[in-house]
Amino acid sequence: MSEKIVAVRKNNEGSIVEMKLSSGQVVGYKEAQQMARDGQIEHVNLIRGKDNEEHLRSEPDGDPTNNLANLPLF
C-alpha cells in the first residue's frame, strides 16, 4: 500500500528536510525521493530543477493547499 505525505518539517531556511507519512513514519528528504522513485509514495513526482538536482513535487491538481510546502508542520 502506498503512503501519502501528511506533514513536513523544515529547516531554518524554510527547506523541507523531513516528511511524515500517512503511516506515521518520518523519513528524510532523500529517503522520500527514493520511495517516490519506487512508487511507495502517492501524489508526488520527481523533477529535475534548474540546479540539476532532483526535487519532490506534488502532482499538479490546481489545489495549492496540498502542495508539499503548504502541508502542516510537525
N, C-alpha and C. Protein backbone atom coordinates (compact mmCIF):
# COMPACT_ATOMS: atom_id res chain seq x y z
N MET A 1 0.84 -1.19 0.00
CA MET A 1 0.00 0.00 0.00
C MET A 1 0.88 1.24 0.00
N SER A 2 0.55 2.20 -0.84
CA SER A 2 1.34 3.41 -0.94
C SER A 2 1.05 4.37 0.22
N GLU A 3 2.06 5.13 0.53
CA GLU A 3 1.96 6.15 1.58
C GLU A 3 1.57 7.48 0.96
N LYS A 4 1.15 8.40 1.80
CA LYS A 4 0.93 9.80 1.43
C LYS A 4 1.72 10.66 2.39
N ILE A 5 2.21 11.78 1.93
CA ILE A 5 2.89 12.74 2.80
C ILE A 5 1.81 13.59 3.44
N VAL A 6 1.79 13.62 4.79
CA VAL A 6 0.73 14.33 5.50
C VAL A 6 1.24 15.56 6.24
N ALA A 7 2.55 15.65 6.45
CA ALA A 7 3.13 16.80 7.15
C ALA A 7 4.62 16.88 6.80
N VAL A 8 5.20 18.07 7.01
CA VAL A 8 6.61 18.26 6.68
C VAL A 8 7.33 18.97 7.83
N ARG A 9 8.63 18.79 7.87
CA ARG A 9 9.50 19.53 8.80
C ARG A 9 10.47 20.32 7.94
N LYS A 10 10.62 21.60 8.29
CA LYS A 10 11.51 22.48 7.52
C LYS A 10 12.70 22.89 8.36
N ASN A 11 13.80 23.21 7.69
CA ASN A 11 14.97 23.73 8.39
C ASN A 11 14.82 25.24 8.57
N ASN A 12 15.82 25.88 9.15
CA ASN A 12 15.78 27.32 9.41
C ASN A 12 15.67 28.16 8.15
N GLU A 13 16.05 27.59 7.01
CA GLU A 13 15.98 28.31 5.74
C GLU A 13 14.65 28.09 5.03
N GLY A 14 13.78 27.27 5.61
CA GLY A 14 12.47 27.02 5.03
C GLY A 14 12.42 25.85 4.06
N SER A 15 13.52 25.11 3.93
CA SER A 15 13.55 23.95 3.04
C SER A 15 13.01 22.73 3.77
N ILE A 16 12.26 21.91 3.06
CA ILE A 16 11.72 20.68 3.64
C ILE A 16 12.86 19.69 3.82
N VAL A 17 12.99 19.16 5.04
CA VAL A 17 14.07 18.21 5.34
C VAL A 17 13.55 16.84 5.76
N GLU A 18 12.32 16.78 6.26
CA GLU A 18 11.71 15.51 6.65
C GLU A 18 10.23 15.55 6.32
N MET A 19 9.66 14.36 6.17
CA MET A 19 8.25 14.23 5.87
C MET A 19 7.63 13.17 6.75
N LYS A 20 6.42 13.46 7.20
CA LYS A 20 5.65 12.46 7.96
C LYS A 20 4.68 11.82 6.98
N LEU A 21 4.69 10.49 6.96
CA LEU A 21 3.83 9.75 6.05
C LEU A 21 2.53 9.34 6.73
N SER A 22 1.59 8.90 5.93
CA SER A 22 0.27 8.55 6.46
C SER A 22 0.33 7.44 7.49
N SER A 23 1.37 6.63 7.48
CA SER A 23 1.53 5.56 8.48
C SER A 23 2.09 6.09 9.80
N GLY A 24 2.54 7.36 9.80
CA GLY A 24 3.19 7.93 10.98
C GLY A 24 4.70 7.90 10.89
N GLN A 25 5.23 7.15 9.93
CA GLN A 25 6.68 7.07 9.73
C GLN A 25 7.23 8.43 9.30
N VAL A 26 8.38 8.79 9.84
CA VAL A 26 9.07 10.02 9.45
C VAL A 26 10.29 9.64 8.62
N VAL A 27 10.41 10.25 7.45
CA VAL A 27 11.54 9.96 6.56
C VAL A 27 12.22 11.26 6.16
N GLY A 28 13.51 11.16 5.92
CA GLY A 28 14.27 12.30 5.41
C GLY A 28 13.94 12.54 3.94
N TYR A 29 14.36 13.69 3.46
CA TYR A 29 14.05 14.11 2.09
C TYR A 29 14.59 13.10 1.07
N LYS A 30 15.84 12.67 1.22
CA LYS A 30 16.44 11.73 0.27
C LYS A 30 15.72 10.39 0.28
N GLU A 31 15.34 9.92 1.47
CA GLU A 31 14.60 8.66 1.57
C GLU A 31 13.24 8.80 0.89
N ALA A 32 12.58 9.94 1.07
CA ALA A 32 11.30 10.17 0.42
C ALA A 32 11.45 10.18 -1.10
N GLN A 33 12.55 10.74 -1.59
CA GLN A 33 12.80 10.72 -3.03
C GLN A 33 12.89 9.29 -3.54
N GLN A 34 13.63 8.46 -2.82
CA GLN A 34 13.78 7.07 -3.24
C GLN A 34 12.44 6.33 -3.17
N MET A 35 11.68 6.59 -2.13
CA MET A 35 10.36 5.96 -2.01
C MET A 35 9.45 6.39 -3.16
N ALA A 36 9.53 7.66 -3.57
CA ALA A 36 8.73 8.13 -4.70
C ALA A 36 9.18 7.43 -5.98
N ARG A 37 10.49 7.28 -6.16
CA ARG A 37 11.02 6.55 -7.33
C ARG A 37 10.48 5.13 -7.38
N ASP A 38 10.37 4.52 -6.21
CA ASP A 38 9.92 3.13 -6.10
C ASP A 38 8.39 2.99 -6.10
N GLY A 39 7.68 4.10 -6.23
CA GLY A 39 6.22 4.06 -6.24
C GLY A 39 5.59 3.83 -4.89
N GLN A 40 6.34 4.13 -3.81
CA GLN A 40 5.83 3.89 -2.46
C GLN A 40 5.12 5.10 -1.86
N ILE A 41 5.21 6.25 -2.51
CA ILE A 41 4.52 7.46 -2.04
C ILE A 41 3.63 7.96 -3.17
N GLU A 42 2.36 8.18 -2.85
CA GLU A 42 1.38 8.65 -3.83
C GLU A 42 1.41 10.16 -3.98
N HIS A 43 0.97 10.61 -5.14
CA HIS A 43 0.70 12.03 -5.41
C HIS A 43 1.94 12.93 -5.37
N VAL A 44 3.12 12.37 -5.61
CA VAL A 44 4.32 13.19 -5.74
C VAL A 44 5.09 12.74 -6.99
N ASN A 45 5.84 13.67 -7.54
CA ASN A 45 6.69 13.40 -8.70
C ASN A 45 8.09 13.88 -8.39
N LEU A 46 9.05 13.32 -9.08
CA LEU A 46 10.42 13.82 -9.02
C LEU A 46 10.66 14.66 -10.27
N ILE A 47 11.18 15.86 -10.07
CA ILE A 47 11.52 16.73 -11.20
C ILE A 47 12.98 17.12 -11.08
N ARG A 48 13.57 17.49 -12.18
CA ARG A 48 14.95 17.98 -12.17
C ARG A 48 14.87 19.50 -12.19
N GLY A 49 15.42 20.13 -11.16
CA GLY A 49 15.37 21.58 -11.04
C GLY A 49 16.46 22.27 -11.85
N LYS A 50 16.42 23.59 -11.82
CA LYS A 50 17.44 24.40 -12.50
C LYS A 50 18.83 24.13 -11.96
N ASP A 51 18.89 23.65 -10.72
CA ASP A 51 20.17 23.32 -10.11
C ASP A 51 20.66 21.93 -10.53
N ASN A 52 19.91 21.28 -11.43
CA ASN A 52 20.21 19.95 -11.95
C ASN A 52 20.08 18.85 -10.89
N GLU A 53 19.43 19.15 -9.78
CA GLU A 53 19.16 18.18 -8.73
C GLU A 53 17.70 17.74 -8.83
N GLU A 54 17.42 16.52 -8.33
CA GLU A 54 16.04 16.05 -8.28
C GLU A 54 15.33 16.65 -7.08
N HIS A 55 14.07 17.01 -7.28
CA HIS A 55 13.25 17.58 -6.22
C HIS A 55 11.89 16.91 -6.22
N LEU A 56 11.33 16.73 -5.04
CA LEU A 56 9.97 16.21 -4.91
C LEU A 56 8.97 17.33 -5.15
N ARG A 57 7.92 17.03 -5.87
CA ARG A 57 6.85 17.99 -6.10
C ARG A 57 5.52 17.25 -6.01
N SER A 58 4.52 17.93 -5.50
CA SER A 58 3.17 17.37 -5.51
C SER A 58 2.69 17.28 -6.94
N GLU A 59 1.86 16.28 -7.22
CA GLU A 59 1.27 16.20 -8.55
C GLU A 59 0.41 17.42 -8.77
N PRO A 60 0.54 18.09 -9.90
CA PRO A 60 -0.27 19.28 -10.15
C PRO A 60 -1.76 18.92 -10.27
N ASP A 61 -2.56 19.55 -9.43
CA ASP A 61 -4.00 19.30 -9.49
C ASP A 61 -4.81 20.58 -9.32
N GLY A 62 -4.12 21.73 -9.34
CA GLY A 62 -4.82 23.00 -9.22
C GLY A 62 -5.20 23.38 -7.81
N ASP A 63 -4.86 22.54 -6.83
CA ASP A 63 -5.20 22.81 -5.43
C ASP A 63 -3.92 23.11 -4.65
N PRO A 64 -3.63 24.39 -4.39
CA PRO A 64 -2.38 24.74 -3.70
C PRO A 64 -2.32 24.27 -2.24
N THR A 65 -3.43 23.91 -1.65
CA THR A 65 -3.42 23.52 -0.24
C THR A 65 -2.71 22.19 -0.01
N ASN A 66 -2.60 21.34 -1.06
CA ASN A 66 -1.93 20.06 -0.86
C ASN A 66 -0.51 20.05 -1.42
N ASN A 67 0.02 21.22 -1.78
CA ASN A 67 1.42 21.30 -2.18
C ASN A 67 2.29 21.01 -0.97
N LEU A 68 3.44 20.38 -1.19
CA LEU A 68 4.29 19.99 -0.07
C LEU A 68 4.61 21.17 0.84
N ALA A 69 4.91 22.32 0.27
CA ALA A 69 5.27 23.49 1.08
C ALA A 69 4.13 23.99 1.94
N ASN A 70 2.89 23.62 1.61
CA ASN A 70 1.72 24.10 2.34
C ASN A 70 1.15 23.07 3.32
N LEU A 71 1.78 21.91 3.40
CA LEU A 71 1.29 20.89 4.33
C LEU A 71 1.57 21.31 5.77
N PRO A 72 0.85 20.75 6.74
CA PRO A 72 1.11 21.09 8.14
C PRO A 72 2.54 20.74 8.53
N LEU A 73 3.06 21.51 9.49
CA LEU A 73 4.38 21.24 10.04
C LEU A 73 4.27 20.27 11.21
N PHE A 74 5.32 19.52 11.45
CA PHE A 74 5.35 18.65 12.63
C PHE A 74 6.68 18.83 13.32
